[in-house]
C-alpha cells in the first residue's frame, strides 16, 4: 500500500473520530435551505472508514495492475528483441556462408516485424551494395538516416554507398554532416580528405588532417599522419604558387616543415620562395642543410643554378668539393662531382673522385663511361680505351642477359621455361643500370623523394 494513501486515510479517519467525539448524539446536515438530515456520528465514522478502505484497495489494485501491465510489455518487447536478434544472427550466418538470398530474406523479415530496425537496415543496405545494387542500398540507408537521425552508422553506410556510386558530391555532404555530428570520426575525416584532395580543396584537407592527428594517440600512427599532412601542405603550396598567391606562402611552407622535417619537397619549395623574393643566401642555406640531411642531388643542382646565374665558378667548385664528403649516403655524388671537376679542367681531382665510386658502380655502364671520360681528359688514353671496352662489353651483357624473376638464374637468350626452377614465362630482361645506395641517409631521402626528381 502506498504510504501517501495510508497517511491520507489516517488523517481523514482521525478527523472523523474528532467530529464524533464532539458530536456524540447526532449531526444535522443542511443540504437544501429547507431540507436537512440527521446522522449519528458512529454511522458517519463507519461510512468514512468503508470509503477509506475501498479507496486504499482501489488505489493499491490500480498501482499493481499498472505495474503488471508494464512488466508484460517489457517482457513482450524483450521476447520480440530476442526473436529479432536470433533472426539477425541467422541472416549474418547466411551472408557469411554466401547464401545471399537467404540473408536478404531474414533481414526483410526483421523489417516486416520492426520497420526501422537499425541493424537490419544497415546490413540489408550493405548486402545490396556488395552485390551491385547501389541504388537500393542508398534508398534503404537514406531511410535509416531519417529514422535514426544522429546514429553514426547511418552516415557511414550512406557515405560508402555514394562513394561506390561515384557520387563524390553527395558522399562529401554526408561526410561533412557526420563531422559536424561527430568531429572525431576517423572514417569521415579520412574519406572526406580523399574527395577534397581530388577537388583540390587543400585548405579543408589540411584542417581535417590536423583533426586526425589530434585524435591519434599511437606515436607511430601520429608520425605517419604528420608526414601525410606535410604532403598536403606541399600540394597546397604548389596550388598557391600556380595562382601567384605569395602572401601566406612562406607561412604554409614552414608550418608543413614543422610537421615533417624529413619531407624534402617543402624544403625545396622554401628555397625556391627565397630565390623568388631575392633572398638567395637564405635559399642556399636551406638547400645545403637539406642536402646534408638527405644527400639528395637535386639540392646541389639548385645551389649550382644560383651560382651559375651569378657566374661564380669558384663557389660551384667549393660546393661539389664539400659535397663529396656526403657521397657515402648517395654514391652518385662521386660521378656528378667528378663530372663537374672535369668541366673545370681539374682532371686529376676528377679522376680521384670518380675512382672512389668503384666499389659502388664498378659493373655499371654509367661508372665506366664517367671513368673513360676522366682518363681521357687526364691523358691516360690506354686506360680510357680499356674502360671503354669494358663499358661496351657490360652494355652488351646487360642488353642480352635475361634473369628469372623467380630464382634469379641468368640466361643470354630468352626461353619459355627456366632450367633452374622450371617456371614458365619467368625470364625478364635484366636492368642495365644499378644506382643502388647503401646508407640510412639516402633511405630517408628516398622516402621523401621529389616528384619527377632527376638525379
Protein backbone atom coordinates (compact mmCIF):
# COMPACT_ATOMS: atom_id res chain seq x y z
CA UNK A 1 0.00 0.00 0.00
CA UNK A 2 1.40 3.43 -0.88
CA UNK A 3 2.39 5.39 2.22
CA UNK A 4 0.76 8.60 0.97
CA UNK A 5 -2.61 6.84 0.54
CA UNK A 6 -2.39 5.29 4.00
CA UNK A 7 -1.45 8.63 5.52
CA UNK A 8 -4.40 10.37 3.83
CA UNK A 9 -6.71 7.65 5.06
CA UNK A 10 -5.44 8.03 8.65
CA UNK A 11 -5.88 11.83 8.54
CA UNK A 12 -9.46 11.52 7.28
CA UNK A 13 -10.27 8.78 9.82
CA UNK A 14 -8.75 10.85 12.63
CA UNK A 15 -10.87 13.82 11.57
CA UNK A 16 -13.98 11.67 11.67
CA UNK A 17 -13.12 10.45 15.17
CA UNK A 18 -12.68 14.03 16.31
CA UNK A 19 -16.07 15.06 14.88
CA UNK A 20 -17.72 12.00 16.50
CA UNK A 21 -16.17 12.87 19.85
CA UNK A 22 -17.50 16.44 19.73
CA UNK A 23 -20.95 15.34 18.49
CA UNK A 24 -21.78 12.18 20.37
CA UNK A 25 -25.60 12.38 19.98
CA UNK A 26 -26.16 13.25 16.31
CA UNK A 27 -25.09 15.57 13.50
CA UNK A 28 -27.53 17.55 11.34
CA UNK A 29 -26.54 18.39 7.77
CA UNK A 30 -28.45 21.02 5.79
CA UNK A 31 -28.17 20.09 2.12
CA UNK A 32 -31.02 22.48 1.00
CA UNK A 33 -32.43 25.69 2.60
CA UNK A 34 -35.45 23.78 3.97
CA UNK A 35 -34.06 20.26 3.96
CA UNK A 36 -31.69 18.54 6.36
CA UNK A 37 -30.63 15.10 7.51
CA UNK A 38 -29.60 13.92 10.94
CA UNK A 39 -26.93 11.20 11.16
CA UNK A 40 -25.41 9.54 14.16
CA UNK A 41 -21.65 10.16 14.35
CA UNK A 42 -20.87 6.47 14.57
CA UNK A 43 -22.57 5.85 11.21
CA UNK A 44 -20.66 8.75 9.66
CA UNK A 45 -17.44 7.35 11.05
CA UNK A 46 -18.23 3.89 9.67
CA UNK A 47 -19.05 5.33 6.23
CA UNK A 48 -15.76 7.19 6.05
CA UNK A 49 -13.94 4.09 7.22
CA UNK A 50 -15.51 1.97 4.49
CA UNK A 51 -14.81 4.69 1.91
CA UNK A 52 -11.16 4.82 3.02
CA UNK A 53 -10.75 1.06 2.88
CA UNK A 54 -12.30 0.88 -0.58
CA UNK A 55 -10.16 3.81 -1.80
CA UNK A 56 -6.98 2.23 -0.49
CA UNK A 57 -7.92 -1.09 -2.12
CA UNK A 58 -8.71 0.54 -5.47
CA UNK A 59 -5.52 2.61 -5.47
CA UNK A 60 -3.42 -0.40 -4.49
CA UNK A 61 -5.05 -2.58 -7.16
CA UNK A 62 -4.59 0.02 -9.89
CA UNK A 63 -0.93 0.51 -8.97
CA UNK A 64 -0.29 -3.22 -9.02
CA UNK A 65 -2.25 -3.59 -12.26
CA UNK A 66 -0.29 -0.81 -13.93
CA UNK A 67 2.98 -2.32 -12.74
CA UNK A 68 2.00 -5.74 -14.05
CA UNK A 69 0.97 -4.28 -17.41
CA UNK A 70 4.40 -2.60 -17.60
CA UNK A 71 6.13 -5.90 -16.84
CA UNK A 72 4.07 -7.67 -19.51
CA UNK A 73 5.01 -5.00 -22.03
CA UNK A 74 8.71 -5.21 -21.13
CA UNK A 75 8.56 -8.99 -21.27
CA UNK A 76 6.83 -8.90 -24.67
CA UNK A 77 9.31 -6.36 -26.01
CA UNK A 78 12.23 -8.45 -24.75
CA UNK A 79 10.79 -11.57 -26.37
CA UNK A 80 10.48 -9.66 -29.66
CA UNK A 81 14.04 -8.32 -29.33
CA UNK A 82 15.39 -11.80 -28.65
CA UNK A 83 13.49 -13.15 -31.64
CA UNK A 84 14.79 -10.37 -33.90
CA UNK A 85 18.34 -10.88 -32.64
CA UNK A 86 18.07 -14.56 -33.44
CA UNK A 87 16.83 -13.79 -36.94
CA UNK A 88 19.58 -11.21 -37.43
CA UNK A 89 22.21 -13.73 -36.36
CA UNK A 90 20.83 -16.28 -38.82
CA UNK A 91 20.90 -13.64 -41.56
CA UNK A 92 24.54 -12.81 -40.81
CA UNK A 93 25.47 -16.51 -40.82
CA UNK A 94 23.72 -16.97 -44.16
CA UNK A 95 25.54 -13.97 -45.59
CA UNK A 96 28.92 -15.27 -44.39
CA UNK A 97 28.12 -18.64 -45.92
CA UNK A 98 27.44 -16.92 -49.25
CA UNK A 99 23.69 -17.55 -49.23
CA UNK A 100 22.72 -14.02 -50.24
CA UNK A 101 19.03 -14.72 -50.92
CA UNK A 102 18.50 -16.33 -47.52
CA UNK A 103 20.31 -13.48 -45.75
CA UNK A 104 18.19 -10.93 -47.62
CA UNK A 105 15.03 -12.83 -46.64
CA UNK A 106 15.98 -12.76 -42.95
CA UNK A 107 16.72 -9.02 -42.99
CA UNK A 108 13.45 -8.26 -44.76
CA UNK A 109 11.55 -10.44 -42.28
CA UNK A 110 13.04 -8.42 -39.42
CA UNK A 111 12.00 -5.15 -41.08
CA UNK A 112 8.49 -6.51 -41.56
CA UNK A 113 8.20 -7.04 -37.79
CA UNK A 114 10.07 -3.85 -36.87
CA UNK A 115 10.08 -1.36 -39.72
CA UNK A 116 13.00 0.78 -38.52
CA UNK A 117 15.31 -1.89 -37.08
CA UNK A 118 18.72 -0.21 -37.47
CA UNK A 119 20.88 -3.33 -37.67
CA UNK A 120 18.70 -4.94 -40.33
CA UNK A 121 18.51 -1.73 -42.39
CA UNK A 122 22.29 -1.23 -42.33
CA UNK A 123 23.05 -4.90 -43.11
CA UNK A 124 20.47 -5.15 -45.89
CA UNK A 125 21.84 -1.98 -47.49
CA UNK A 126 25.41 -3.28 -47.26
CA UNK A 127 24.23 -6.56 -48.79
CA UNK A 128 22.70 -4.64 -51.70
CA UNK A 129 25.89 -2.55 -52.12
CA UNK A 130 28.15 -5.62 -52.09
CA UNK A 131 26.05 -7.17 -54.86
CA UNK A 132 25.99 -4.13 -57.11
CA UNK A 133 22.54 -2.83 -56.09
CA UNK A 134 23.85 0.58 -55.07
CA UNK A 135 20.60 2.40 -55.78
CA UNK A 136 18.68 0.12 -53.39
CA UNK A 137 21.45 0.49 -50.80
CA UNK A 138 21.23 4.29 -50.97
CA UNK A 139 17.43 4.11 -50.65
CA UNK A 140 17.40 1.95 -47.51
CA UNK A 141 20.33 3.76 -45.86
CA UNK A 142 18.67 7.11 -46.51
CA UNK A 143 15.56 5.76 -44.79
CA UNK A 144 17.72 4.57 -41.88
CA UNK A 145 19.30 8.02 -41.59
CA UNK A 146 15.87 9.69 -41.48
CA UNK A 147 14.60 7.21 -38.88
CA UNK A 148 17.65 7.20 -36.61
CA UNK A 149 18.91 10.75 -37.04
CA UNK A 150 22.28 11.13 -35.37
CA UNK A 151 23.39 7.48 -35.45
CA UNK A 152 26.96 7.37 -36.83
CA UNK A 153 26.38 4.01 -38.57
CA UNK A 154 23.78 5.52 -40.90
CA UNK A 155 26.12 8.31 -42.04
CA UNK A 156 28.98 5.90 -42.66
CA UNK A 157 26.82 3.41 -44.59
CA UNK A 158 25.30 6.13 -46.78
CA UNK A 159 28.68 7.75 -47.45
CA UNK A 160 30.09 4.38 -48.58
CA UNK A 161 27.10 3.95 -50.93
CA UNK A 162 27.74 7.31 -52.59
CA UNK A 163 31.48 6.60 -52.87
CA UNK A 164 30.78 3.29 -54.65
CA UNK A 165 28.18 5.06 -56.81
CA UNK A 166 30.92 7.52 -57.81
CA UNK A 167 28.90 10.44 -56.50
CA UNK A 168 31.60 12.37 -54.59
CA UNK A 169 29.43 15.46 -54.06
CA UNK A 170 26.72 13.51 -52.22
CA UNK A 171 29.31 11.47 -50.32
CA UNK A 172 31.09 14.63 -49.21
CA UNK A 173 27.80 16.18 -48.00
CA UNK A 174 27.07 13.11 -45.85
CA UNK A 175 30.64 13.00 -44.52
CA UNK A 176 30.60 16.70 -43.62
CA UNK A 177 27.27 16.21 -41.79
CA UNK A 178 28.88 13.34 -39.88
CA UNK A 179 31.89 15.52 -39.00
CA UNK A 180 29.52 18.16 -37.60
CA UNK A 181 27.75 15.49 -35.55
CA UNK A 182 30.93 13.64 -34.57
CA UNK A 183 34.09 15.76 -35.12
CA UNK A 184 36.34 12.84 -34.11
CA UNK A 185 35.06 10.34 -36.69
CA UNK A 186 38.27 9.00 -38.24
CA UNK A 187 36.38 7.39 -41.14
CA UNK A 188 34.59 10.65 -42.02
CA UNK A 189 37.76 12.76 -41.86
CA UNK A 190 39.82 10.28 -43.90
CA UNK A 191 37.21 9.68 -46.60
CA UNK A 192 36.36 13.39 -46.82
CA UNK A 193 40.06 14.12 -47.42
CA UNK A 194 40.19 11.64 -50.29
CA UNK A 195 37.38 13.51 -52.03
CA UNK A 196 38.55 17.02 -51.11
CA UNK A 197 42.11 16.31 -52.31
CA UNK A 198 40.76 15.26 -55.73
CA UNK A 199 38.83 18.54 -55.82
CA UNK A 200 41.97 20.49 -54.89
CA UNK A 201 40.44 21.92 -51.69
CA UNK A 202 43.72 21.72 -49.82
CA UNK A 203 42.79 24.16 -47.07
CA UNK A 204 39.90 21.92 -45.95
CA UNK A 205 42.08 18.82 -46.37
CA UNK A 206 44.73 20.31 -44.08
CA UNK A 207 42.17 21.18 -41.37
CA UNK A 208 40.76 17.64 -41.47
CA UNK A 209 44.24 16.10 -41.30
CA UNK A 210 45.06 18.24 -38.25
CA UNK A 211 41.95 16.82 -36.56
CA UNK A 212 43.08 13.29 -37.44
CA UNK A 213 46.44 13.96 -35.79
CA UNK A 214 44.74 15.41 -32.70
CA UNK A 215 42.73 12.19 -32.16
CA UNK A 216 45.66 9.85 -32.90
CA UNK A 217 47.44 8.62 -29.77
CA UNK A 218 49.70 5.89 -31.14
CA UNK A 219 53.16 7.53 -31.73
CA UNK A 220 53.81 5.65 -34.99
CA UNK A 221 50.38 6.47 -36.41
CA UNK A 222 50.76 10.08 -35.32
CA UNK A 223 54.11 10.29 -37.11
CA UNK A 224 52.60 8.72 -40.23
CA UNK A 225 49.69 11.18 -40.22
CA UNK A 226 52.09 14.09 -39.72
CA UNK A 227 54.01 13.01 -42.83
CA UNK A 228 50.73 12.90 -44.77
CA UNK A 229 49.91 16.42 -43.52
CA UNK A 230 53.28 17.69 -44.75
CA UNK A 231 52.46 16.29 -48.20
CA UNK A 232 49.10 18.08 -48.13
CA UNK A 233 50.88 21.33 -47.28
CA UNK A 234 53.17 20.77 -50.27
CA UNK A 235 50.18 20.31 -52.58
CA UNK A 236 48.60 23.48 -51.13
CA UNK A 237 51.85 25.38 -51.65
CA UNK A 238 52.02 24.25 -55.29
CA UNK A 239 48.42 25.34 -55.77
CA UNK A 240 49.08 28.79 -54.28
CA UNK A 241 52.26 29.13 -56.33
CA UNK A 242 50.41 28.35 -59.56
CA UNK A 243 47.92 31.11 -58.70
CA UNK A 244 50.71 33.58 -57.81
CA UNK A 245 49.32 33.80 -54.25
CA UNK A 246 52.52 34.52 -52.34
CA UNK A 247 51.07 36.40 -49.35
CA UNK A 248 50.86 33.43 -46.97
CA UNK A 249 53.10 31.05 -48.90
CA UNK A 250 56.06 31.23 -46.50
CA UNK A 251 53.79 30.60 -43.50
CA UNK A 252 52.33 27.42 -45.05
CA UNK A 253 55.73 26.10 -46.15
CA UNK A 254 57.18 26.50 -42.65
CA UNK A 255 54.11 25.02 -41.00
CA UNK A 256 54.32 21.99 -43.29
CA UNK A 257 58.02 21.51 -42.47
CA UNK A 258 57.18 21.67 -38.74
CA UNK A 259 55.07 18.51 -39.16
CA UNK A 260 57.79 16.57 -41.00
CA UNK A 261 61.38 17.81 -41.03
CA UNK A 262 62.37 15.00 -43.41
CA UNK A 263 59.91 15.93 -46.18
CA UNK A 264 62.31 17.37 -48.74
CA UNK A 265 59.88 18.83 -51.32
CA UNK A 266 58.83 21.54 -48.83
CA UNK A 267 62.47 22.45 -48.23
CA UNK A 268 62.94 22.65 -51.98
CA UNK A 269 59.89 24.95 -52.13
CA UNK A 270 61.23 27.07 -49.26
CA UNK A 271 64.45 27.68 -51.16
CA UNK A 272 62.52 28.48 -54.34
CA UNK A 273 60.46 31.03 -52.37
CA UNK A 274 63.60 32.76 -51.08
CA UNK A 275 65.00 32.92 -54.62
CA UNK A 276 61.67 34.38 -55.76
CA UNK A 277 61.91 37.19 -53.20
CA UNK A 278 65.63 37.77 -53.93
CA UNK A 279 66.95 36.16 -50.75
CA UNK A 280 69.37 33.81 -52.46
CA UNK A 281 71.67 33.42 -49.45
CA UNK A 282 68.76 32.07 -47.40
CA UNK A 283 67.82 29.73 -50.25
CA UNK A 284 71.37 28.34 -50.43
CA UNK A 285 71.44 27.86 -46.65
CA UNK A 286 68.10 25.95 -46.71
CA UNK A 287 69.11 23.77 -49.67
CA UNK A 288 72.55 22.94 -48.28
CA UNK A 289 71.05 21.92 -44.93
CA UNK A 290 68.51 19.76 -46.78
CA UNK A 291 71.29 18.16 -48.85
CA UNK A 292 73.34 17.32 -45.75
CA UNK A 293 70.36 15.58 -44.12
CA UNK A 294 69.13 13.74 -47.23
CA UNK A 295 72.00 13.51 -49.75
CA UNK A 296 69.52 14.45 -52.49
CA UNK A 297 71.39 15.65 -55.57
CA UNK A 298 68.53 17.96 -56.55
CA UNK A 299 69.58 20.38 -53.79
CA UNK A 300 73.13 20.55 -55.15
CA UNK A 301 71.73 21.30 -58.59
CA UNK A 302 69.56 24.09 -57.20
CA UNK A 303 72.51 25.71 -55.43
CA UNK A 304 74.62 25.26 -58.57
CA UNK A 305 71.95 27.08 -60.62
CA UNK A 306 72.11 30.08 -58.27
CA UNK A 307 75.91 30.21 -58.51
CA UNK A 308 75.84 29.81 -62.31
CA UNK A 309 73.35 32.67 -62.59
CA UNK A 310 75.89 34.81 -60.72
CA UNK A 311 78.83 33.38 -62.76
CA UNK A 312 80.55 32.15 -59.62
CA UNK A 313 82.63 29.16 -60.78
CA UNK A 314 84.71 29.15 -57.63
CA UNK A 315 81.68 28.58 -55.40
CA UNK A 316 80.43 25.80 -57.70
CA UNK A 317 83.79 24.06 -57.28
CA UNK A 318 83.66 24.53 -53.47
CA UNK A 319 80.07 23.24 -53.41
CA UNK A 320 80.91 19.91 -55.08
CA UNK A 321 84.22 19.61 -53.27
CA UNK A 322 82.31 19.75 -49.96
CA UNK A 323 79.54 17.52 -51.32
CA UNK A 324 81.94 14.61 -51.84
CA UNK A 325 82.09 14.25 -48.04
CA UNK A 326 78.47 13.07 -48.12
CA UNK A 327 78.84 10.71 -51.08
CA UNK A 328 78.65 7.60 -48.90
CA UNK A 329 74.95 8.33 -48.44
CA UNK A 330 74.46 8.64 -52.20
CA UNK A 331 77.44 7.41 -54.27
CA UNK A 332 76.10 9.02 -57.44
CA UNK A 333 77.56 12.24 -55.97
CA UNK A 334 81.04 10.89 -56.81
CA UNK A 335 80.14 10.68 -60.50
CA UNK A 336 78.40 14.07 -60.61
CA UNK A 337 81.18 15.84 -58.69
CA UNK A 338 83.78 14.18 -60.90
CA UNK A 339 81.97 15.42 -64.00
CA UNK A 340 81.91 18.99 -62.59
CA UNK A 341 85.64 18.83 -61.81
CA UNK A 342 86.35 17.64 -65.38
CA UNK A 343 84.37 20.57 -66.81
CA UNK A 344 86.53 22.90 -64.71
CA UNK A 345 89.72 21.31 -66.03
CA UNK A 346 90.70 19.65 -62.75
CA UNK A 347 91.36 16.25 -64.34
CA UNK A 348 93.39 14.70 -61.52
CA UNK A 349 90.81 15.57 -58.87
CA UNK A 350 88.04 14.36 -61.21
CA UNK A 351 89.78 11.01 -61.70
CA UNK A 352 90.35 10.52 -57.95
CA UNK A 353 86.71 11.38 -57.21
CA UNK A 354 85.24 9.06 -59.86
CA UNK A 355 87.52 6.21 -58.82
CA UNK A 356 86.01 6.43 -55.32
CA UNK A 357 82.74 5.26 -56.86
CA UNK A 358 84.33 2.00 -58.00
CA UNK A 359 83.08 -0.09 -55.07
CA UNK A 360 79.52 1.06 -55.77
CA UNK A 361 79.34 1.24 -59.57
CA UNK A 362 82.19 -0.86 -60.97
CA UNK A 363 79.86 -3.03 -63.02
CA UNK A 364 77.66 -0.30 -64.42
CA UNK A 365 77.76 1.49 -67.75
CA UNK A 366 77.40 4.90 -66.04
CA UNK A 367 80.55 4.38 -63.96
CA UNK A 368 82.60 3.05 -66.90
CA UNK A 369 81.63 5.96 -69.14
CA UNK A 370 82.44 8.53 -66.42
CA UNK A 371 85.78 6.84 -65.76
CA UNK A 372 86.53 6.69 -69.51
CA UNK A 373 85.97 10.43 -69.91
CA UNK A 374 88.06 11.14 -66.83
CA UNK A 375 91.02 9.02 -68.06
CA UNK A 376 90.81 10.64 -71.49
CA UNK A 377 90.82 14.17 -70.06
CA UNK A 378 93.74 13.28 -67.79
CA UNK A 379 95.69 11.93 -70.76
CA UNK A 380 95.60 8.25 -69.80
CA UNK A 381 94.46 7.05 -73.21
CA UNK A 382 95.32 3.36 -72.75
CA UNK A 383 93.31 3.17 -69.55
CA UNK A 384 90.48 5.08 -71.27
CA UNK A 385 90.43 2.55 -74.12
CA UNK A 386 90.33 -0.38 -71.67
CA UNK A 387 87.47 1.18 -69.74
CA UNK A 388 85.53 1.91 -72.95
CA UNK A 389 85.84 -1.73 -73.97
CA UNK A 390 84.57 -2.79 -70.55
CA UNK A 391 81.66 -0.37 -70.91
CA UNK A 392 80.70 -1.75 -74.32
CA UNK A 393 81.03 -5.33 -73.05
CA UNK A 394 78.96 -4.59 -69.97
CA UNK A 395 76.32 -2.83 -72.09
CA UNK A 396 76.07 -5.83 -74.42
CA UNK A 397 75.90 -8.27 -71.50
CA UNK A 398 73.14 -6.31 -69.85
CA UNK A 399 71.16 -5.90 -73.04
CA UNK A 400 71.38 -9.58 -73.94
CA UNK A 401 71.13 -11.02 -70.44
CA UNK A 402 67.83 -12.35 -69.07
CA UNK A 403 67.11 -13.17 -65.44
CA UNK A 404 64.45 -15.44 -63.92
CA UNK A 405 62.05 -13.43 -61.80
CA UNK A 406 61.50 -16.46 -59.55
CA UNK A 407 65.01 -17.79 -58.81
CA UNK A 408 67.32 -15.12 -60.41
CA UNK A 409 69.05 -17.59 -62.73
CA UNK A 410 70.73 -15.78 -65.68
CA UNK A 411 70.44 -16.52 -69.41
CA UNK A 412 71.85 -14.84 -72.52
CA UNK A 413 68.83 -15.78 -74.63
CA UNK A 414 65.16 -15.80 -73.80
CA UNK A 415 63.45 -19.17 -73.39
CA UNK A 416 59.98 -20.30 -72.34
CA UNK A 417 60.96 -22.22 -69.20
CA UNK A 418 63.65 -21.56 -66.60
CA UNK A 419 66.01 -24.55 -66.46
CA UNK A 420 66.76 -23.89 -62.80
CA UNK A 421 63.32 -23.64 -61.17
CA UNK A 422 61.19 -24.78 -64.17
CA UNK A 423 58.94 -21.68 -64.00
CA UNK A 424 57.09 -20.79 -67.20
CA UNK A 425 57.45 -17.33 -68.78
CA UNK A 426 59.51 -16.03 -65.86
CA UNK A 427 62.55 -14.68 -67.76
CA UNK A 428 62.85 -10.90 -67.78
CA UNK A 429 65.40 -8.55 -69.35
CA UNK A 430 67.94 -7.59 -66.67
CA UNK A 431 68.41 -3.89 -65.85
CA UNK A 432 71.49 -2.25 -67.37
CA UNK A 433 71.88 0.37 -64.63
CA UNK A 434 72.03 -0.07 -60.88
CA UNK A 435 72.26 3.10 -58.84
CA UNK A 436 71.66 1.35 -55.51
CA UNK A 437 72.86 3.15 -52.37
CA UNK A 438 73.86 1.89 -49.00
CA UNK A 439 73.33 4.19 -46.02
CA UNK A 440 70.42 5.45 -43.98
CA UNK A 441 70.79 8.99 -45.30
CA UNK A 442 69.55 8.15 -48.76
CA UNK A 443 66.90 5.80 -47.42
CA UNK A 444 65.36 8.80 -45.69
CA UNK A 445 65.75 10.83 -48.84
CA UNK A 446 64.01 8.16 -50.91
CA UNK A 447 61.01 8.23 -48.60
CA UNK A 448 60.73 11.96 -49.17
CA UNK A 449 61.70 11.85 -52.84
CA UNK A 450 60.59 14.70 -55.02
CA UNK A 451 58.04 14.03 -57.71
CA UNK A 452 59.82 13.69 -61.01
CA UNK A 453 63.25 14.20 -59.47
CA UNK A 454 66.13 13.66 -61.88
CA UNK A 455 69.49 12.72 -60.47
